[in-house]
Amino acid sequence: MAQPARKIVGTTSTEPELPGRAREILDLVSAGMDSLEPPVIQNMVANLVRLGEMADEFNRPEMLELFREVARAGSNLRGLIAEIRELQETGTMTTLLELGRMVQAMKDSLTAGVVTGVLQQIVDAVAMMDQIQMLQGDRLVMGMIVAMQEAVKENKDKSPQGVLSLLRQLNDPEARKGLGIFTSFLQKLPAQLGFTN
């Protein structure tokens, strides 16, 4: 049989008089304590000691600074949560997740052969860019872009020309030269694409 807690703790019999409600609460606590076995009380005391040790750990300066940092980050976290909620409500989050799953599936489907094929295409593209650079292809492309911009600007506010007017422009040596280059390009293109018989 368990001994009353008052006997274990060693309280005195002279207890101060308390008001009615406080006396009821004290009697209830005393009855609860009296019904506890000594091992249970020892376990409670050990837990209280551990709780005190934890409080000491939290009272260290670095822990207090960590708590302050978390409090400062609270507004940022609230903003982030609001943005995530908005992404969910607009469906953007679902789209991002689907995109992530698609990228993961693509990553999972990469075999050694696929990787080798992609690397070969990259090498071919770099070699082609090097060849274009050696042949001053960048100058050709830039020349085409500038010529197109000038042509658009020159014809911006003009009404469309008739067929006879266009034919008269072929008398201009520069126009004939450009047309000759373009015609020669069209003649050589099928052979380069492998379309010749």
Protein backbone atom coordinates (compact mmCIF):
# COMPACT_ATOMS: atom_id res chain seq x y z
CA MET A 1 0.00 0.00 0.00
CA ALA A 2 1.29 3.43 -0.92
CA GLN A 3 2.17 5.86 1.82
CA PRO A 4 0.65 9.33 1.71
CA ALA A 5 2.79 11.88 -0.08
CA ARG A 6 2.86 14.12 2.98
CA LYS A 7 4.69 11.41 4.91
CA ILE A 8 7.20 10.83 2.10
CA VAL A 9 7.94 14.51 1.56
CA GLY A 10 7.88 15.24 5.29
CA THR A 11 5.33 18.06 5.50
CA THR A 12 4.29 19.40 8.87
CA SER A 13 0.82 19.11 10.24
CA THR A 14 0.47 22.86 10.71
CA GLU A 15 -1.17 23.99 7.44
CA PRO A 16 -2.43 27.53 7.01
CA GLU A 17 -6.14 28.13 6.67
CA LEU A 18 -7.18 28.67 3.02
CA PRO A 19 -10.41 29.96 1.47
CA GLY A 20 -12.97 27.33 0.42
CA ARG A 21 -12.10 26.93 -3.29
CA ALA A 22 -8.31 26.94 -2.65
CA ARG A 23 -8.80 24.34 0.12
CA GLU A 24 -10.73 22.08 -2.30
CA ILE A 25 -7.99 22.33 -4.91
CA LEU A 26 -5.27 21.63 -2.32
CA ASP A 27 -7.22 18.62 -1.01
CA LEU A 28 -7.64 17.30 -4.57
CA VAL A 29 -3.89 17.67 -5.26
CA SER A 30 -3.06 16.04 -1.91
CA ALA A 31 -5.39 13.13 -2.63
CA GLY A 32 -3.75 12.69 -6.03
CA MET A 33 -0.30 12.76 -4.49
CA ASP A 34 -1.30 10.34 -1.73
CA SER A 35 -2.49 7.81 -4.32
CA LEU A 36 0.85 7.79 -6.19
CA GLU A 37 3.40 5.04 -5.69
CA PRO A 38 6.97 6.10 -4.75
CA PRO A 39 8.41 5.01 -8.15
CA VAL A 40 5.85 7.23 -9.91
CA ILE A 41 6.80 10.20 -7.72
CA GLN A 42 10.51 9.54 -8.37
CA ASN A 43 9.80 9.42 -12.12
CA MET A 44 7.93 12.74 -11.90
CA VAL A 45 10.82 14.32 -9.98
CA ALA A 46 13.31 13.01 -12.57
CA ASN A 47 11.17 14.48 -15.37
CA LEU A 48 11.06 17.82 -13.56
CA VAL A 49 14.86 17.76 -13.26
CA ARG A 50 15.18 17.02 -17.00
CA LEU A 51 12.74 19.84 -17.73
CA GLY A 52 14.92 22.19 -15.66
CA GLU A 53 18.01 21.06 -17.58
CA MET A 54 16.22 21.71 -20.88
CA ALA A 55 15.23 25.17 -19.66
CA ASP A 56 18.93 25.81 -18.90
CA GLU A 57 19.82 24.67 -22.44
CA PHE A 58 17.26 27.04 -23.96
CA ASN A 59 18.55 29.86 -21.77
CA ARG A 60 22.01 29.79 -23.43
CA PRO A 61 22.83 32.90 -25.57
CA GLU A 62 23.07 30.99 -28.86
CA MET A 63 19.66 29.37 -28.31
CA LEU A 64 18.10 32.71 -27.43
CA GLU A 65 19.62 34.21 -30.60
CA LEU A 66 18.18 31.31 -32.61
CA PHE A 67 14.71 31.97 -31.16
CA ARG A 68 15.06 35.68 -32.00
CA GLU A 69 16.08 34.80 -35.57
CA VAL A 70 13.04 32.54 -35.95
CA ALA A 71 10.82 35.36 -34.69
CA ARG A 72 12.40 37.78 -37.21
CA ALA A 73 11.91 35.26 -40.00
CA GLY A 74 8.25 34.83 -39.06
CA SER A 75 7.04 37.60 -41.38
CA ASN A 76 9.11 36.19 -44.26
CA LEU A 77 7.69 32.73 -43.60
CA ARG A 78 4.16 34.13 -43.55
CA GLY A 79 4.81 35.84 -46.90
CA LEU A 80 6.22 32.62 -48.35
CA ILE A 81 3.23 30.63 -47.13
CA ALA A 82 0.88 33.21 -48.69
CA GLU A 83 2.73 32.95 -52.02
CA ILE A 84 2.58 29.15 -51.93
CA ARG A 85 -1.15 29.33 -51.16
CA GLU A 86 -1.64 31.69 -54.13
CA LEU A 87 0.31 29.31 -56.39
CA GLN A 88 -1.97 26.49 -55.26
CA GLU A 89 -5.14 28.52 -55.80
CA THR A 90 -4.15 29.63 -59.33
CA GLY A 91 -3.08 26.11 -60.33
CA THR A 92 0.51 27.19 -60.92
CA MET A 93 1.76 24.81 -58.24
CA THR A 94 0.12 21.87 -60.05
CA THR A 95 1.74 22.95 -63.31
CA LEU A 96 5.15 23.23 -61.64
CA LEU A 97 4.77 19.80 -60.07
CA GLU A 98 3.78 18.30 -63.43
CA LEU A 99 6.77 19.99 -65.05
CA GLY A 100 9.01 18.58 -62.35
CA ARG A 101 7.60 15.10 -62.90
CA MET A 102 8.12 15.48 -66.66
CA VAL A 103 11.74 16.56 -66.17
CA GLN A 104 12.29 13.63 -63.80
CA ALA A 105 10.78 11.24 -66.37
CA MET A 106 13.06 12.67 -69.06
CA LYS A 107 16.03 12.29 -66.73
CA ASP A 108 15.06 8.69 -65.93
CA SER A 109 14.67 7.86 -69.64
CA LEU A 110 18.18 8.97 -70.54
CA THR A 111 20.19 5.95 -71.55
CA ALA A 112 23.83 5.81 -72.58
CA GLY A 113 22.79 5.77 -76.25
CA VAL A 114 20.54 8.83 -75.86
CA VAL A 115 23.24 10.75 -74.00
CA THR A 116 25.80 9.83 -76.67
CA GLY A 117 23.41 10.96 -79.43
CA VAL A 118 22.77 14.30 -77.72
CA LEU A 119 26.48 14.85 -77.13
CA GLN A 120 27.18 14.04 -80.81
CA GLN A 121 24.61 16.63 -81.90
CA ILE A 122 26.20 19.22 -79.60
CA VAL A 123 29.64 18.45 -81.03
CA ASP A 124 28.25 18.72 -84.59
CA ALA A 125 26.58 22.04 -83.76
CA VAL A 126 29.82 23.43 -82.30
CA ALA A 127 31.76 22.25 -85.38
CA MET A 128 29.17 23.89 -87.66
CA MET A 129 29.38 27.15 -85.70
CA ASP A 130 33.17 27.01 -86.02
CA GLN A 131 32.87 26.49 -89.78
CA ILE A 132 30.40 29.39 -90.07
CA GLN A 133 32.81 31.56 -88.11
CA MET A 134 35.72 30.63 -90.39
CA LEU A 135 33.64 31.44 -93.50
CA GLN A 136 32.51 34.72 -91.93
CA GLY A 137 28.96 33.37 -91.78
CA ASP A 138 28.24 35.71 -88.90
CA ARG A 139 28.94 38.61 -91.27
CA LEU A 140 26.57 37.07 -93.82
CA VAL A 141 23.78 36.69 -91.24
CA MET A 142 24.28 40.21 -89.88
CA GLY A 143 24.33 41.57 -93.45
CA MET A 144 21.04 39.83 -94.20
CA ILE A 145 19.46 41.22 -91.02
CA VAL A 146 20.63 44.80 -91.73
CA ALA A 147 19.51 44.56 -95.40
CA MET A 148 16.08 43.31 -94.29
CA GLN A 149 15.72 46.14 -91.75
CA GLU A 150 16.68 48.74 -94.38
CA ALA A 151 14.28 47.24 -96.95
CA VAL A 152 11.38 47.28 -94.47
CA LYS A 153 12.16 50.86 -93.47
CA GLU A 154 12.44 51.96 -97.13
CA ASN A 155 9.09 50.43 -98.10
CA LYS A 156 7.19 51.16 -94.89
CA ASP A 157 5.05 54.08 -96.11
CA LYS A 158 4.98 53.20 -99.82
CA SER A 159 2.08 51.62 -101.62
CA PRO A 160 2.69 48.20 -103.22
CA GLN A 161 4.57 48.37 -106.54
CA GLY A 162 3.19 47.06 -109.80
CA VAL A 163 4.76 44.27 -111.84
CA LEU A 164 6.22 46.71 -114.42
CA SER A 165 7.80 48.81 -111.65
CA LEU A 166 9.38 45.70 -110.17
CA LEU A 167 10.72 44.65 -113.57
CA ARG A 168 12.22 48.13 -114.08
CA GLN A 169 14.13 47.71 -110.81
CA LEU A 170 15.92 44.74 -112.39
CA ASN A 171 17.82 47.26 -114.56
CA ASP A 172 19.67 48.34 -111.41
CA PRO A 173 23.07 46.53 -111.35
CA GLU A 174 22.94 46.02 -107.53
CA ALA A 175 19.49 44.42 -107.80
CA ARG A 176 20.70 42.09 -110.56
CA LYS A 177 23.78 41.19 -108.54
CA GLY A 178 21.70 40.31 -105.47
CA LEU A 179 19.22 38.36 -107.59
CA GLY A 180 22.13 36.46 -109.21
CA ILE A 181 23.51 35.50 -105.78
CA PHE A 182 20.06 34.39 -104.65
CA THR A 183 19.50 32.36 -107.85
CA SER A 184 22.89 30.69 -107.49
CA PHE A 185 22.07 29.88 -103.84
CA LEU A 186 18.76 28.25 -104.88
CA GLN A 187 20.55 26.16 -107.53
CA LYS A 188 23.14 24.82 -105.07
CA LEU A 189 20.79 24.19 -102.13
CA PRO A 190 19.19 20.89 -103.34
CA ALA A 191 22.58 19.23 -103.77
CA GLN A 192 23.59 20.23 -100.23
CA LEU A 193 20.33 18.83 -98.86
CA GLY A 194 20.72 15.57 -100.80
CA PHE A 195 17.67 16.18 -103.02
CA THR A 196 19.45 15.71 -106.36
CA ASN A 197 18.91 12.63 -108.53
